[in-house]
Amino acid sequence: MKQSRFYISLYIIFPFIFTGFTIFAAIVSYRLTKYGLTRGTDPAQPVFWFIVVISLLVYASSFLLVRLILKPMEKFIEDTSKFPAFSGAKKAIKKDWSVDKIQQFTNVFDQVTSVLSRIDARHFFPGIIGESLAMRGLLSLIKKVSPTDSTVLILGESGTGKELVAASIHDHSKRQDKPFIKLNCAAIPEDLLESELFGHEKGAFTGATNFKPGKFDMADGGTIFLDEIGDMPYNLQGKILRILQGQEFYRVGGNRTIKVDVRIIASTNKNLEKMVREGTFREDLFYRLNVFTLHLPPLRERKEDIPLLVDYLLQSTPKKRAISSMALQLLVAFSWPGNIRELKNTIESASVIAENGTIEPAHLPAKIAGAFDQNQKIAAKFTANISLDER
């Protein structure tokens, strides 16, 4: 028969032990003093030696308790330092009495947490390349919202990977085995967009010779991704709002309500709040879409991810190429207004030009080298001005 076990928190054990020592010392001191006064002797000496004994006992028990707690931590850090990913841990476990040991442990645990979060991101989202703090925060949010049916609004500049994020949300949702339908609202003419979204009945308009299902029909049970929803015509925004509110719509030329079960993910590179103020985007639709918002950082705000992205892009080029350190430095220094899409095109172009197998600065567009030179000149001028001010 399995025996029941009870565990007492250290938050109870430690205060209990030291409170017990305090009460014990007070009682014994009182008894010794009372005994000495009753016998007419000086109680100072026995009380003094008792205090010495009790102090040694408290010190010894404190030392053992601290050792009991810190020993597993030291063992963990020692084992951790053997892994290459935690190379900084070796320095932390060296005997350095000028640094608080708790602070050393905190630094190592922070490093471990950082590495584990990167591993977690690579495991769950292998298609999203990025280990910067901004991307890890974003991936953490994606991981939280994916299993839900909440509407997601993805905001970010063009080329930041909004479609990839939407696909990742679907792949980690409860609808992952159902359809994932994509539609770029800016790529379809306004007069065809309604039919593309909701489908049309036969004879609904000139040329409608057959029934055609819409994207919402196709996405039933799954997810629909409305890319660049900020470019959707105003008259269609009300019909999208109807689906968000009641999961129903009318086909073009039809008079029957169609019920669907669809999760909506939308994205845009526009400022929807500004469009609402200007009257070009429905306020009620904005609030319906803005249930859970993800802000994708531009590439210039996560430059530490550029070497990882370059390595990934080089592996996917038809001809395997390497890149020189100077060329990589130029890529990291560039601002990338076109974000990852622009970086991808640059790597692909450079890999074609680099016939010797290594991408050099000469194989990169002139604007990248020019921007680097301009930044160097500005930095040099700034340094010179500081030197003159100091004189």
Protein backbone atom coordinates (compact mmCIF):
# COMPACT_ATOMS: atom_id res chain seq x y z
CA MET A 1 0.00 0.00 0.00
CA LYS A 2 1.32 3.40 -0.99
CA GLN A 3 2.22 5.53 2.03
CA SER A 4 1.08 9.13 2.19
CA ARG A 5 3.82 11.76 2.41
CA PHE A 6 3.55 15.27 3.66
CA TYR A 7 5.95 18.01 2.62
CA ILE A 8 6.54 21.22 4.55
CA SER A 9 7.62 24.34 2.70
CA LEU A 10 11.07 25.81 3.38
CA TYR A 11 9.25 29.11 3.99
CA ILE A 12 7.82 27.44 7.12
CA ILE A 13 10.81 25.34 8.19
CA PHE A 14 13.44 28.13 8.27
CA PRO A 15 11.45 30.71 10.28
CA PHE A 16 10.31 27.91 12.63
CA ILE A 17 13.90 26.79 13.35
CA PHE A 18 15.28 30.27 14.05
CA THR A 19 12.21 31.33 16.00
CA GLY A 20 12.66 28.18 18.09
CA PHE A 21 16.30 29.06 18.83
CA THR A 22 15.25 32.59 19.85
CA ILE A 23 12.52 31.40 22.20
CA PHE A 24 14.79 28.71 23.68
CA ALA A 25 17.60 31.26 24.29
CA ALA A 26 15.20 33.71 25.95
CA ILE A 27 13.72 31.04 28.26
CA VAL A 28 17.12 29.64 29.33
CA SER A 29 18.58 33.12 29.88
CA TYR A 30 15.59 34.03 32.04
CA ARG A 31 15.92 30.81 34.07
CA LEU A 32 19.66 31.26 34.58
CA THR A 33 19.21 34.85 35.69
CA LYS A 34 16.40 33.93 38.07
CA TYR A 35 18.43 31.02 39.47
CA GLY A 36 21.48 33.25 40.06
CA LEU A 37 19.45 35.97 41.79
CA THR A 38 17.71 33.40 43.99
CA ARG A 39 21.05 31.90 45.10
CA GLY A 40 22.63 35.33 45.52
CA THR A 41 25.25 34.75 42.82
CA ASP A 42 26.12 36.81 39.74
CA PRO A 43 24.21 35.30 36.75
CA ALA A 44 26.29 37.16 34.13
CA GLN A 45 28.92 34.44 33.63
CA PRO A 46 26.56 31.47 33.01
CA VAL A 47 24.36 33.65 30.77
CA PHE A 48 27.45 34.75 28.79
CA TRP A 49 28.62 31.18 28.18
CA PHE A 50 25.11 30.09 27.27
CA ILE A 51 24.93 32.88 24.69
CA VAL A 52 28.27 31.71 23.24
CA VAL A 53 27.02 28.11 23.02
CA ILE A 54 23.67 29.05 21.48
CA SER A 55 25.39 31.38 18.97
CA LEU A 56 27.68 28.55 17.84
CA LEU A 57 24.67 26.24 17.49
CA VAL A 58 22.75 28.82 15.43
CA TYR A 59 25.79 29.46 13.22
CA ALA A 60 26.37 25.72 12.66
CA SER A 61 22.71 25.04 11.84
CA SER A 62 22.55 28.07 9.52
CA PHE A 63 25.69 26.92 7.72
CA LEU A 64 24.27 23.42 7.26
CA LEU A 65 20.94 24.72 5.99
CA VAL A 66 22.54 27.10 3.49
CA ARG A 67 24.89 24.33 2.37
CA LEU A 68 21.93 22.01 1.97
CA ILE A 69 20.26 24.53 -0.35
CA LEU A 70 23.27 25.78 -2.32
CA LYS A 71 24.94 22.42 -2.91
CA PRO A 72 22.38 21.25 -5.53
CA MET A 73 22.60 24.68 -7.21
CA GLU A 74 26.40 24.46 -7.42
CA LYS A 75 26.12 20.94 -8.82
CA PHE A 76 23.59 22.11 -11.41
CA ILE A 77 25.77 25.04 -12.49
CA GLU A 78 28.86 22.82 -12.63
CA ASP A 79 27.05 20.35 -14.90
CA THR A 80 25.58 23.18 -16.97
CA SER A 81 28.99 24.71 -17.60
CA LYS A 82 30.05 21.57 -19.50
CA PHE A 83 27.63 22.38 -22.33
CA PRO A 84 28.93 24.75 -25.07
CA ALA A 85 25.69 26.75 -25.04
CA PHE A 86 26.34 27.70 -21.41
CA SER A 87 30.01 28.59 -21.73
CA GLY A 88 29.46 31.68 -19.57
CA ALA A 89 28.52 29.48 -16.63
CA LYS A 90 32.14 28.37 -16.06
CA LYS A 91 33.15 31.85 -15.11
CA ALA A 92 30.20 32.14 -12.73
CA ILE A 93 31.14 29.13 -10.59
CA LYS A 94 34.72 30.20 -9.90
CA LYS A 95 35.48 31.22 -6.35
CA ASP A 96 35.14 34.98 -6.40
CA TRP A 97 34.42 36.36 -2.96
CA SER A 98 34.12 39.90 -4.34
CA VAL A 99 30.85 38.94 -6.06
CA ASP A 100 27.68 37.90 -4.27
CA LYS A 101 27.18 34.16 -4.80
CA ILE A 102 23.42 34.57 -5.09
CA GLN A 103 24.02 37.11 -7.85
CA GLN A 104 26.28 34.60 -9.61
CA PHE A 105 23.53 31.98 -9.45
CA THR A 106 20.98 34.51 -10.71
CA ASN A 107 23.17 35.37 -13.70
CA VAL A 108 23.58 31.70 -14.61
CA PHE A 109 19.87 30.98 -14.23
CA ASP A 110 19.09 33.97 -16.47
CA GLN A 111 21.47 32.56 -19.07
CA VAL A 112 19.87 29.11 -18.81
CA THR A 113 16.39 30.63 -19.20
CA SER A 114 17.53 32.57 -22.25
CA VAL A 115 18.99 29.48 -23.95
CA LEU A 116 15.96 27.34 -23.12
CA SER A 117 13.62 29.96 -24.56
CA ARG A 118 15.59 29.91 -27.83
CA ILE A 119 15.46 26.10 -27.90
CA ASP A 120 11.73 26.21 -27.22
CA ALA A 121 11.21 28.69 -30.09
CA ARG A 122 13.24 26.54 -32.52
CA HIS A 123 11.27 23.44 -31.49
CA PHE A 124 7.78 24.89 -31.88
CA PHE A 125 8.42 27.32 -34.74
CA PRO A 126 11.24 25.93 -36.91
CA GLY A 127 10.07 28.03 -39.87
CA ILE A 128 10.43 31.36 -38.02
CA ILE A 129 14.09 32.32 -37.85
CA GLY A 130 15.02 34.57 -34.94
CA GLU A 131 16.54 34.39 -31.48
CA SER A 132 16.47 38.07 -30.54
CA LEU A 133 14.62 39.20 -27.44
CA ALA A 134 11.91 40.82 -29.59
CA MET A 135 11.32 37.61 -31.55
CA ARG A 136 11.31 35.41 -28.46
CA GLY A 137 8.62 37.63 -26.96
CA LEU A 138 6.63 37.41 -30.19
CA LEU A 139 6.95 33.60 -30.37
CA SER A 140 5.81 33.34 -26.76
CA LEU A 141 2.63 35.27 -27.67
CA ILE A 142 2.07 33.11 -30.77
CA LYS A 143 2.38 29.99 -28.63
CA LYS A 144 -0.26 31.33 -26.22
CA VAL A 145 -2.83 32.44 -28.81
CA SER A 146 -2.47 29.51 -31.24
CA PRO A 147 -4.55 26.91 -29.30
CA THR A 148 -7.44 29.36 -28.91
CA ASP A 149 -10.08 30.43 -31.46
CA SER A 150 -9.42 34.13 -30.88
CA THR A 151 -9.29 36.46 -33.87
CA VAL A 152 -5.71 37.62 -34.42
CA LEU A 153 -4.58 40.90 -35.99
CA ILE A 154 -0.97 40.90 -37.20
CA LEU A 155 0.62 44.32 -37.64
CA GLY A 156 3.97 44.92 -39.29
CA GLU A 157 5.80 46.48 -42.17
CA SER A 158 5.83 44.86 -45.57
CA GLY A 159 8.23 41.90 -45.73
CA THR A 160 8.32 41.14 -41.99
CA GLY A 161 6.75 37.68 -42.40
CA LYS A 162 3.09 38.22 -41.48
CA GLU A 163 1.92 35.31 -43.63
CA LEU A 164 4.48 32.98 -42.03
CA VAL A 165 3.24 33.97 -38.56
CA ALA A 166 -0.37 33.37 -39.59
CA ALA A 167 0.53 29.92 -40.93
CA SER A 168 2.37 29.10 -37.69
CA ILE A 169 -0.69 30.08 -35.63
CA HIS A 170 -2.85 27.75 -37.73
CA ASP A 171 -0.30 24.90 -37.57
CA HIS A 172 -0.34 25.02 -33.76
CA SER A 173 -4.09 25.45 -33.37
CA LYS A 174 -6.88 22.94 -32.82
CA ARG A 175 -7.75 23.48 -36.51
CA GLN A 176 -4.37 22.36 -37.83
CA ASP A 177 -5.93 19.42 -39.72
CA LYS A 178 -8.47 21.70 -41.38
CA PRO A 179 -7.97 24.09 -44.34
CA PHE A 180 -5.78 27.18 -44.13
CA ILE A 181 -7.02 29.59 -46.80
CA LYS A 182 -5.08 32.73 -47.73
CA LEU A 183 -6.39 35.81 -49.53
CA ASN A 184 -4.53 39.03 -50.31
CA CYS A 185 -7.16 41.76 -50.19
CA ALA A 186 -4.93 44.19 -52.10
CA ALA A 187 -4.23 41.81 -55.00
CA ILE A 188 -7.82 41.32 -56.20
CA PRO A 189 -9.88 44.02 -57.99
CA GLU A 190 -12.68 45.49 -55.90
CA ASP A 191 -15.47 44.24 -58.19
CA LEU A 192 -14.19 40.63 -57.89
CA LEU A 193 -13.22 40.60 -54.23
CA GLU A 194 -16.74 39.99 -52.88
CA SER A 195 -17.22 36.99 -55.17
CA GLU A 196 -13.78 35.69 -54.20
CA LEU A 197 -14.60 35.96 -50.51
CA PHE A 198 -18.18 34.72 -50.42
CA GLY A 199 -18.65 32.91 -53.73
CA HIS A 200 -21.54 33.46 -56.14
CA GLU A 201 -24.62 31.70 -57.40
CA LYS A 202 -25.14 30.77 -61.01
CA GLY A 203 -26.41 33.81 -62.94
CA ALA A 204 -25.52 36.25 -60.14
CA PHE A 205 -23.90 38.57 -62.69
CA THR A 206 -22.79 38.60 -66.30
CA GLY A 207 -20.33 35.75 -66.80
CA ALA A 208 -21.41 33.82 -63.70
CA THR A 209 -22.31 30.67 -65.64
CA ASN A 210 -21.63 28.32 -62.73
CA PHE A 211 -21.87 28.24 -58.96
CA LYS A 212 -18.57 29.16 -57.33
CA PRO A 213 -17.71 28.65 -53.64
CA GLY A 214 -15.89 31.46 -51.88
CA LYS A 215 -12.85 31.47 -49.65
CA PHE A 216 -15.03 31.31 -46.54
CA ASP A 217 -16.69 28.17 -47.90
CA MET A 218 -13.28 26.60 -48.43
CA ALA A 219 -12.08 27.60 -44.96
CA ASP A 220 -15.09 26.12 -43.13
CA GLY A 221 -13.80 24.37 -40.01
CA GLY A 222 -10.34 25.87 -40.49
CA THR A 223 -8.64 29.26 -40.69
CA ILE A 224 -8.81 32.08 -43.21
CA PHE A 225 -5.97 34.58 -43.46
CA LEU A 226 -7.00 38.00 -44.79
CA ASP A 227 -3.73 39.62 -45.77
CA GLU A 228 -3.58 43.42 -46.11
CA ILE A 229 -7.11 43.87 -44.74
CA GLY A 230 -6.44 47.61 -44.57
CA ASP A 231 -6.87 47.65 -48.37
CA MET A 232 -10.33 46.05 -48.24
CA PRO A 233 -13.07 48.27 -49.76
CA TYR A 234 -15.28 49.99 -47.21
CA ASN A 235 -18.51 48.40 -48.48
CA LEU A 236 -17.11 44.89 -47.94
CA GLN A 237 -15.91 45.59 -44.41
CA GLY A 238 -19.48 45.36 -43.09
CA LYS A 239 -19.85 41.86 -44.53
CA ILE A 240 -16.62 40.73 -42.87
CA LEU A 241 -17.99 42.20 -39.62
CA ARG A 242 -21.13 40.06 -40.05
CA ILE A 243 -19.01 36.89 -40.24
CA LEU A 244 -17.02 37.91 -37.17
CA GLN A 245 -20.24 38.52 -35.24
CA GLY A 246 -22.36 35.58 -36.34
CA GLN A 247 -20.23 33.28 -38.50
CA GLU A 248 -22.67 33.70 -41.42
CA PHE A 249 -22.80 35.39 -44.83
CA TYR A 250 -24.71 35.62 -48.11
CA ARG A 251 -23.26 34.56 -51.43
CA VAL A 252 -23.32 37.03 -54.30
CA GLY A 253 -26.71 36.60 -55.99
CA GLY A 254 -27.99 34.39 -53.18
CA ASN A 255 -30.69 34.94 -50.57
CA ARG A 256 -29.84 32.07 -48.23
CA THR A 257 -27.77 32.52 -45.08
CA ILE A 258 -24.61 30.38 -45.12
CA LYS A 259 -23.27 29.31 -41.73
CA VAL A 260 -19.55 28.63 -41.35
CA ASP A 261 -17.10 27.87 -38.56
CA VAL A 262 -14.01 29.88 -39.43
CA ARG A 263 -11.20 31.42 -37.44
CA ILE A 264 -10.07 34.75 -38.91
CA ILE A 265 -6.48 35.97 -38.90
CA ALA A 266 -5.93 39.37 -40.50
CA SER A 267 -2.84 41.40 -41.22
CA THR A 268 -1.93 44.83 -42.48
CA ASN A 269 1.02 47.18 -42.81
CA LYS A 270 -1.23 50.20 -42.40
CA ASN A 271 -2.22 52.19 -39.33
CA LEU A 272 -5.82 51.03 -38.82
CA GLU A 273 -6.43 53.43 -35.92
CA LYS A 274 -5.53 56.35 -38.17
CA MET A 275 -7.76 54.95 -40.93
CA VAL A 276 -10.65 54.72 -38.43
CA ARG A 277 -10.16 58.39 -37.53
CA GLU A 278 -10.09 59.29 -41.23
CA GLY A 279 -13.26 57.28 -41.89
CA THR A 280 -11.68 54.82 -44.35
CA PHE A 281 -11.92 51.80 -42.05
CA ARG A 282 -14.93 50.77 -39.98
CA GLU A 283 -14.47 51.36 -36.28
CA ASP A 284 -16.66 48.38 -35.30
CA LEU A 285 -14.68 46.05 -37.58
CA PHE A 286 -11.40 47.33 -36.14
CA TYR A 287 -12.48 46.46 -32.60
CA ARG A 288 -13.73 43.06 -33.75
CA LEU A 289 -10.38 42.30 -35.39
CA ASN A 290 -8.30 43.78 -32.58
CA VAL A 291 -8.94 40.92 -30.13
CA PHE A 292 -5.33 39.71 -29.97
CA THR A 293 -2.72 41.85 -31.70
CA LEU A 294 0.77 40.80 -32.72
CA HIS A 295 3.32 43.46 -33.65
CA LEU A 296 6.06 42.09 -35.91
CA PRO A 297 9.34 43.98 -35.39
CA PRO A 298 11.09 45.28 -38.53
CA LEU A 299 14.47 43.76 -39.36
CA ARG A 300 16.32 46.92 -38.35
CA GLU A 301 15.09 46.39 -34.76
CA ARG A 302 16.44 42.83 -34.53
CA LYS A 303 19.79 43.03 -36.26
CA GLU A 304 21.15 40.16 -34.14
CA ASP A 305 18.90 37.86 -36.17
CA ILE A 306 20.43 38.87 -39.51
CA PRO A 307 23.37 36.36 -39.36
CA LEU A 308 20.87 33.55 -38.63
CA LEU A 309 18.63 34.64 -41.50
CA VAL A 310 21.58 34.92 -43.88
CA ASP A 311 22.76 31.42 -42.96
CA TYR A 312 19.24 30.04 -43.49
CA LEU A 313 18.85 31.82 -46.85
CA LEU A 314 22.26 30.63 -48.06
CA GLN A 315 21.26 27.03 -47.35
CA SER A 316 18.16 27.43 -49.53
CA THR A 317 19.95 28.89 -52.59
CA PRO A 318 20.35 26.61 -55.64
CA LYS A 319 24.14 26.91 -55.47
CA LYS A 320 25.70 26.62 -52.03
CA ARG A 321 27.51 29.81 -51.10
CA ALA A 322 29.45 31.13 -48.13
CA ILE A 323 29.69 34.76 -47.07
CA SER A 324 32.71 36.75 -45.97
CA SER A 325 32.76 38.47 -42.59
CA MET A 326 32.97 41.91 -44.21
CA ALA A 327 29.95 41.24 -46.41
CA LEU A 328 28.01 40.00 -43.40
CA GLN A 329 29.00 43.14 -41.50
CA LEU A 330 27.57 45.24 -44.33
CA LEU A 331 24.31 43.30 -44.22
CA VAL A 332 23.99 43.76 -40.45
CA ALA A 333 24.68 47.50 -40.73
CA PHE A 334 22.03 48.09 -43.42
CA SER A 335 18.56 49.36 -42.36
CA TRP A 336 16.52 47.01 -44.64
CA PRO A 337 13.41 49.06 -45.47
CA GLY A 338 12.06 45.99 -47.30
CA ASN A 339 12.79 43.77 -44.29
CA ILE A 340 13.23 39.99 -44.72
CA ARG A 341 11.87 40.00 -48.28
CA GLU A 342 14.55 42.49 -49.32
CA LEU A 343 17.25 40.50 -47.50
CA LYS A 344 16.13 37.32 -49.27
CA ASN A 345 16.30 38.98 -52.70
CA THR A 346 19.73 40.44 -51.89
CA ILE A 347 21.16 37.05 -50.85
CA GLU A 348 19.68 35.34 -53.90
CA SER A 349 21.13 37.98 -56.24
CA ALA A 350 24.55 37.91 -54.54
CA SER A 351 24.70 34.10 -54.68
CA VAL A 352 24.19 34.23 -58.44
CA ILE A 353 26.94 36.82 -58.90
CA ALA A 354 29.44 35.14 -56.53
CA GLU A 355 30.91 32.57 -58.90
CA ASN A 356 33.88 31.79 -56.67
CA GLY A 357 31.61 30.36 -53.96
CA THR A 358 31.89 33.20 -51.39
CA ILE A 359 29.79 36.34 -51.27
CA GLU A 360 32.02 39.39 -50.95
CA PRO A 361 31.12 43.09 -50.49
CA ALA A 362 31.52 43.60 -54.24
CA HIS A 363 28.62 41.19 -54.86
CA LEU A 364 26.20 43.26 -52.76
CA PRO A 365 24.07 46.17 -54.09
CA ALA A 366 25.79 49.56 -54.05
CA LYS A 367 23.17 51.02 -51.69
CA ILE A 368 24.24 48.59 -48.93
CA ALA A 369 27.95 49.47 -49.13
CA GLY A 370 27.03 53.14 -49.57
CA ALA A 371 24.88 53.17 -46.44
CA PHE A 372 27.72 51.57 -44.47
CA ASP A 373 30.23 54.16 -45.72
CA GLN A 374 27.81 56.97 -44.86
CA ASN A 375 27.36 55.64 -41.31
CA GLN A 376 31.14 55.38 -40.93
CA LYS A 377 31.57 59.02 -42.02
CA ILE A 378 28.87 60.21 -39.60
CA ALA A 379 30.47 58.26 -36.75
CA ALA A 380 33.92 59.66 -37.60
CA LYS A 381 32.53 63.21 -37.73
CA PHE A 382 30.78 62.74 -34.38
CA THR A 383 34.02 61.43 -32.80
CA ALA A 384 35.98 64.37 -34.22
CA ASN A 385 33.48 66.88 -32.78
CA ILE A 386 33.78 65.27 -29.35
CA SER A 387 37.57 65.52 -29.53
CA LEU A 388 37.37 69.23 -30.44
CA ASP A 389 34.94 69.91 -27.56
CA GLU A 390 37.32 68.21 -25.12
CA ARG A 391 40.14 70.48 -26.26
